Amino acid sequence: MGQEAKIIKELDFVLTHPACSVLNIEHFYNTCLYVYDSVPLLSIIGHMKRMSPHLLTEWSLTNLMVKNLLTDLEPDLPSNGENMRSITIRIDLSKVKAAEKGIFQIVWTTDIPDETINYHFKKKSIVVNDAVDGNVMLLGLSIIDKNKYYLYIKKRRK
């Protein structure tokens, strides 16, 4: 087994751990730099794009080399990473009637992949902005169909 294949196999081991975080990835990368003569960072990034894109995005926010390589590989991505950290949904609740206990059910259609939406929902990084009341609370979401969701929303107390 070649050095690159061995590093990718070790990376797979790190990525499959349930508590894997950016700190684990950074530690893995630094260990590789210490142990190996050369580290195939492009291969690591390519593998992470397939296996754990959200973790790669988070890592690029803390590691300047990874951020620069991602920018070179995909120049159309925002360079500041701001859009990668959260999803902002703009709605208008003025035409929707609240259900029981003031909870609104809104249909939302998007092109964002399901995995990305689930990741951001778990991280509580989906921001819902109402045209009248500003930021409102996203209590939950459920899949209706491909790229179509129910959002369960409650207005914040003033």
C-alpha atoms as a PDB file:
ATOM      1  CA  MET A   1       0.000   0.000   0.000  1.00  0.00           C
ATOM      2  CA  GLY A   2       1.378   3.396  -0.989  1.00  0.00           C
ATOM      3  CA  GLN A   3       1.856   6.274   1.399  1.00  0.00           C
ATOM      4  CA  GLU A   4      -1.072   8.249  -0.024  1.00  0.00           C
ATOM      5  CA  ALA A   5      -3.438   5.270   0.237  1.00  0.00           C
ATOM      6  CA  LYS A   6      -2.295   4.686   3.826  1.00  0.00           C
ATOM      7  CA  ILE A   7      -2.962   8.325   4.762  1.00  0.00           C
ATOM      8  CA  ILE A   8      -6.438   8.207   3.181  1.00  0.00           C
ATOM      9  CA  LYS A   9      -7.196   4.964   5.047  1.00  0.00           C
ATOM     10  CA  GLU A  10      -6.136   6.624   8.317  1.00  0.00           C
ATOM     11  CA  LEU A  11      -8.244   9.669   7.429  1.00  0.00           C
ATOM     12  CA  ASP A  12     -11.261   7.393   6.895  1.00  0.00           C
ATOM     13  CA  PHE A  13     -10.730   6.026  10.389  1.00  0.00           C
ATOM     14  CA  VAL A  14     -10.698   9.552  11.835  1.00  0.00           C
ATOM     15  CA  LEU A  15     -13.749  10.676   9.819  1.00  0.00           C
ATOM     16  CA  THR A  16     -15.886   7.698  10.848  1.00  0.00           C
ATOM     17  CA  HIS A  17     -15.577   8.469  14.552  1.00  0.00           C
ATOM     18  CA  PRO A  18     -18.924   9.861  15.779  1.00  0.00           C
ATOM     19  CA  ALA A  19     -17.266  12.720  17.663  1.00  0.00           C
ATOM     20  CA  CYS A  20     -14.976  13.762  14.803  1.00  0.00           C
ATOM     21  CA  SER A  21     -14.425  17.514  14.744  1.00  0.00           C
ATOM     22  CA  VAL A  22     -12.188  20.107  13.131  1.00  0.00           C
ATOM     23  CA  LEU A  23      -9.734  19.698  16.008  1.00  0.00           C
ATOM     24  CA  ASN A  24      -9.417  15.978  15.215  1.00  0.00           C
ATOM     25  CA  ILE A  25      -8.825  16.706  11.524  1.00  0.00           C
ATOM     26  CA  GLU A  26      -6.246  19.391  12.311  1.00  0.00           C
ATOM     27  CA  HIS A  27      -4.483  17.048  14.751  1.00  0.00           C
ATOM     28  CA  PHE A  28      -4.505  14.266  12.131  1.00  0.00           C
ATOM     29  CA  TYR A  29      -3.042  16.623   9.510  1.00  0.00           C
ATOM     30  CA  ASN A  30      -0.332  17.921  11.867  1.00  0.00           C
ATOM     31  CA  THR A  31       0.590  14.349  12.835  1.00  0.00           C
ATOM     32  CA  CYS A  32       0.891  13.431   9.148  1.00  0.00           C
ATOM     33  CA  LEU A  33       3.189  16.425   8.593  1.00  0.00           C
ATOM     34  CA  TYR A  34       5.390  15.183  11.425  1.00  0.00           C
ATOM     35  CA  VAL A  35       5.401  11.482  10.454  1.00  0.00           C
ATOM     36  CA  TYR A  36       5.536  11.543   6.640  1.00  0.00           C
ATOM     37  CA  ASP A  37       8.016  13.195   4.281  1.00  0.00           C
ATOM     38  CA  SER A  38       5.160  14.611   2.211  1.00  0.00           C
ATOM     39  CA  VAL A  39       1.424  14.868   2.814  1.00  0.00           C
ATOM     40  CA  PRO A  40      -0.996  14.799  -0.156  1.00  0.00           C
ATOM     41  CA  LEU A  41      -3.225  17.656   0.974  1.00  0.00           C
ATOM     42  CA  LEU A  42      -5.104  17.744  -2.347  1.00  0.00           C
ATOM     43  CA  SER A  43      -5.975  14.060  -1.946  1.00  0.00           C
ATOM     44  CA  ILE A  44      -7.094  14.664   1.633  1.00  0.00           C
ATOM     45  CA  ILE A  45      -9.293  17.573   0.537  1.00  0.00           C
ATOM     46  CA  GLY A  46     -10.719  15.581  -2.375  1.00  0.00           C
ATOM     47  CA  HIS A  47     -11.524  12.654  -0.095  1.00  0.00           C
ATOM     48  CA  MET A  48     -13.127  14.908   2.512  1.00  0.00           C
ATOM     49  CA  LYS A  49     -15.248  16.588  -0.191  1.00  0.00           C
ATOM     50  CA  ARG A  50     -16.781  13.193  -0.897  1.00  0.00           C
ATOM     51  CA  MET A  51     -16.964  11.830   2.646  1.00  0.00           C
ATOM     52  CA  SER A  52     -17.566  14.840   4.893  1.00  0.00           C
ATOM     53  CA  PRO A  53     -18.034  18.140   3.024  1.00  0.00           C
ATOM     54  CA  HIS A  54     -19.400  20.003   6.052  1.00  0.00           C
ATOM     55  CA  LEU A  55     -16.318  19.123   8.101  1.00  0.00           C
ATOM     56  CA  LEU A  56     -14.072  20.231   5.234  1.00  0.00           C
ATOM     57  CA  THR A  57     -15.905  23.555   5.138  1.00  0.00           C
ATOM     58  CA  GLU A  58     -15.427  24.022   8.884  1.00  0.00           C
ATOM     59  CA  TRP A  59     -11.761  23.066   8.601  1.00  0.00           C
ATOM     60  CA  SER A  60     -11.242  25.623   5.826  1.00  0.00           C
ATOM     61  CA  LEU A  61     -12.448  28.317   8.218  1.00  0.00           C
ATOM     62  CA  THR A  62      -9.611  27.529  10.640  1.00  0.00           C
ATOM     63  CA  ASN A  63      -6.793  26.406   8.318  1.00  0.00           C
ATOM     64  CA  LEU A  64      -5.611  29.044   5.849  1.00  0.00           C
ATOM     65  CA  MET A  65      -3.851  26.522   3.574  1.00  0.00           C
ATOM     66  CA  VAL A  66      -7.046  24.470   3.186  1.00  0.00           C
ATOM     67  CA  LYS A  67      -9.070  27.636   2.615  1.00  0.00           C
ATOM     68  CA  ASN A  68      -6.694  28.800  -0.132  1.00  0.00           C
ATOM     69  CA  LEU A  69      -6.696  25.390  -1.828  1.00  0.00           C
ATOM     70  CA  LEU A  70     -10.502  25.240  -1.765  1.00  0.00           C
ATOM     71  CA  THR A  71     -10.664  28.748  -3.213  1.00  0.00           C
ATOM     72  CA  ASP A  72      -8.266  27.713  -5.989  1.00  0.00           C
ATOM     73  CA  LEU A  73     -10.220  24.525  -6.690  1.00  0.00           C
ATOM     74  CA  GLU A  74     -13.645  26.198  -6.590  1.00  0.00           C
ATOM     75  CA  PRO A  75     -13.235  29.932  -7.215  1.00  0.00           C
ATOM     76  CA  ASP A  76     -17.005  30.515  -7.336  1.00  0.00           C
ATOM     77  CA  LEU A  77     -17.353  29.809  -3.617  1.00  0.00           C
ATOM     78  CA  PRO A  78     -17.483  32.808  -1.275  1.00  0.00           C
ATOM     79  CA  SER A  79     -13.994  33.443   0.072  1.00  0.00           C
ATOM     80  CA  ASN A  80     -15.033  34.586   3.516  1.00  0.00           C
ATOM     81  CA  GLY A  81     -16.946  31.371   4.304  1.00  0.00           C
ATOM     82  CA  GLU A  82     -19.870  33.332   5.734  1.00  0.00           C
ATOM     83  CA  ASN A  83     -22.460  31.616   3.541  1.00  0.00           C
ATOM     84  CA  MET A  84     -21.060  28.210   4.470  1.00  0.00           C
ATOM     85  CA  ARG A  85     -21.666  28.666   8.182  1.00  0.00           C
ATOM     86  CA  SER A  86     -25.429  29.056   8.061  1.00  0.00           C
ATOM     87  CA  ILE A  87     -28.511  28.909   5.887  1.00  0.00           C
ATOM     88  CA  THR A  88     -30.785  31.947   5.848  1.00  0.00           C
ATOM     89  CA  ILE A  89     -34.426  31.487   4.871  1.00  0.00           C
ATOM     90  CA  ARG A  90     -36.586  34.525   4.130  1.00  0.00           C
ATOM     91  CA  ILE A  91     -40.335  34.142   4.626  1.00  0.00           C
ATOM     92  CA  ASP A  92     -43.484  36.258   5.007  1.00  0.00           C
ATOM     93  CA  LEU A  93     -45.784  35.112   7.824  1.00  0.00           C
ATOM     94  CA  SER A  94     -48.270  37.966   7.329  1.00  0.00           C
ATOM     95  CA  LYS A  95     -50.319  35.845   4.905  1.00  0.00           C
ATOM     96  CA  VAL A  96     -50.141  32.633   6.936  1.00  0.00           C
ATOM     97  CA  LYS A  97     -52.434  31.725   9.811  1.00  0.00           C
ATOM     98  CA  ALA A  98     -50.859  30.272  12.938  1.00  0.00           C
ATOM     99  CA  ALA A  99     -51.891  26.811  14.043  1.00  0.00           C
ATOM    100  CA  GLU A 100     -52.190  25.662  17.632  1.00  0.00           C
ATOM    101  CA  LYS A 101     -49.957  27.454  20.188  1.00  0.00           C
ATOM    102  CA  GLY A 102     -48.835  30.044  17.638  1.00  0.00           C
ATOM    103  CA  ILE A 103     -46.863  27.632  15.486  1.00  0.00           C
ATOM    104  CA  PHE A 104     -46.714  28.330  11.761  1.00  0.00           C
ATOM    105  CA  GLN A 105     -46.266  25.614   9.146  1.00  0.00           C
ATOM    106  CA  ILE A 106     -44.563  26.910   5.999  1.00  0.00           C
ATOM    107  CA  VAL A 107     -43.694  25.044   2.808  1.00  0.00           C
ATOM    108  CA  TRP A 108     -40.107  25.739   1.759  1.00  0.00           C
ATOM    109  CA  THR A 109     -38.515  24.692  -1.532  1.00  0.00           C
ATOM    110  CA  THR A 110     -34.741  24.733  -2.019  1.00  0.00           C
ATOM    111  CA  ASP A 111     -31.908  23.289  -4.093  1.00  0.00           C
ATOM    112  CA  ILE A 112     -29.723  22.697  -1.033  1.00  0.00           C
ATOM    113  CA  PRO A 113     -28.915  18.974  -0.526  1.00  0.00           C
ATOM    114  CA  ASP A 114     -30.742  17.136   2.279  1.00  0.00           C
ATOM    115  CA  GLU A 115     -27.481  16.307   4.061  1.00  0.00           C
ATOM    116  CA  THR A 116     -26.531  19.980   4.241  1.00  0.00           C
ATOM    117  CA  ILE A 117     -29.941  20.986   5.581  1.00  0.00           C
ATOM    118  CA  ASN A 118     -29.879  18.230   8.219  1.00  0.00           C
ATOM    119  CA  TYR A 119     -26.360  19.223   9.237  1.00  0.00           C
ATOM    120  CA  HIS A 120     -27.283  22.891   9.639  1.00  0.00           C
ATOM    121  CA  PHE A 121     -30.515  22.029  11.468  1.00  0.00           C
ATOM    122  CA  LYS A 122     -28.604  19.893  13.987  1.00  0.00           C
ATOM    123  CA  LYS A 123     -26.053  22.682  14.433  1.00  0.00           C
ATOM    124  CA  LYS A 124     -28.913  25.209  14.811  1.00  0.00           C
ATOM    125  CA  SER A 125     -27.390  27.267  12.022  1.00  0.00           C
ATOM    126  CA  ILE A 126     -30.551  27.768   9.984  1.00  0.00           C
ATOM    127  CA  VAL A 127     -31.745  31.354  10.377  1.00  0.00           C
ATOM    128  CA  VAL A 128     -35.359  32.110   9.468  1.00  0.00           C
ATOM    129  CA  ASN A 129     -36.097  35.768   8.786  1.00  0.00           C
ATOM    130  CA  ASP A 130     -39.700  37.012   8.538  1.00  0.00           C
ATOM    131  CA  ALA A 131     -40.459  40.095   6.426  1.00  0.00           C
ATOM    132  CA  VAL A 132     -42.380  41.739   9.295  1.00  0.00           C
ATOM    133  CA  ASP A 133     -41.029  40.328  12.570  1.00  0.00           C
ATOM    134  CA  GLY A 134     -37.387  39.723  11.676  1.00  0.00           C
ATOM    135  CA  ASN A 135     -35.766  36.585  13.055  1.00  0.00           C
ATOM    136  CA  VAL A 136     -38.219  33.888  14.127  1.00  0.00           C
ATOM    137  CA  MET A 137     -37.621  30.518  15.796  1.00  0.00           C
ATOM    138  CA  LEU A 138     -37.315  27.394  13.675  1.00  0.00           C
ATOM    139  CA  LEU A 139     -38.777  24.648  15.869  1.00  0.00           C
ATOM    140  CA  GLY A 140     -38.516  21.821  13.371  1.00  0.00           C
ATOM    141  CA  LEU A 141     -38.579  20.726   9.786  1.00  0.00           C
ATOM    142  CA  SER A 142     -39.810  17.698   7.888  1.00  0.00           C
ATOM    143  CA  ILE A 143     -39.299  16.494   4.347  1.00  0.00           C
ATOM    144  CA  ILE A 144     -42.335  16.601   2.073  1.00  0.00           C
ATOM    145  CA  ASP A 145     -40.591  15.618  -1.142  1.00  0.00           C
ATOM    146  CA  LYS A 146     -37.185  16.032  -2.759  1.00  0.00           C
ATOM    147  CA  ASN A 147     -36.081  19.646  -2.157  1.00  0.00           C
ATOM    148  CA  LYS A 148     -39.387  20.474  -0.410  1.00  0.00           C
ATOM    149  CA  TYR A 149     -39.835  20.849   3.358  1.00  0.00           C
ATOM    150  CA  TYR A 150     -42.313  21.888   6.019  1.00  0.00           C
ATOM    151  CA  LEU A 151     -40.810  24.453   8.377  1.00  0.00           C
ATOM    152  CA  TYR A 152     -42.357  24.738  11.844  1.00  0.00           C
ATOM    153  CA  ILE A 153     -41.894  28.297  13.034  1.00  0.00           C
ATOM    154  CA  LYS A 154     -42.818  30.346  16.076  1.00  0.00           C
ATOM    155  CA  LYS A 155     -42.521  34.101  16.453  1.00  0.00           C
ATOM    156  CA  ARG A 156     -40.228  35.344  19.195  1.00  0.00           C
ATOM    157  CA  ARG A 157     -41.740  37.154  22.152  1.00  0.00           C
ATOM    158  CA  LYS A 158     -41.273  40.887  22.126  1.00  0.00           C
END
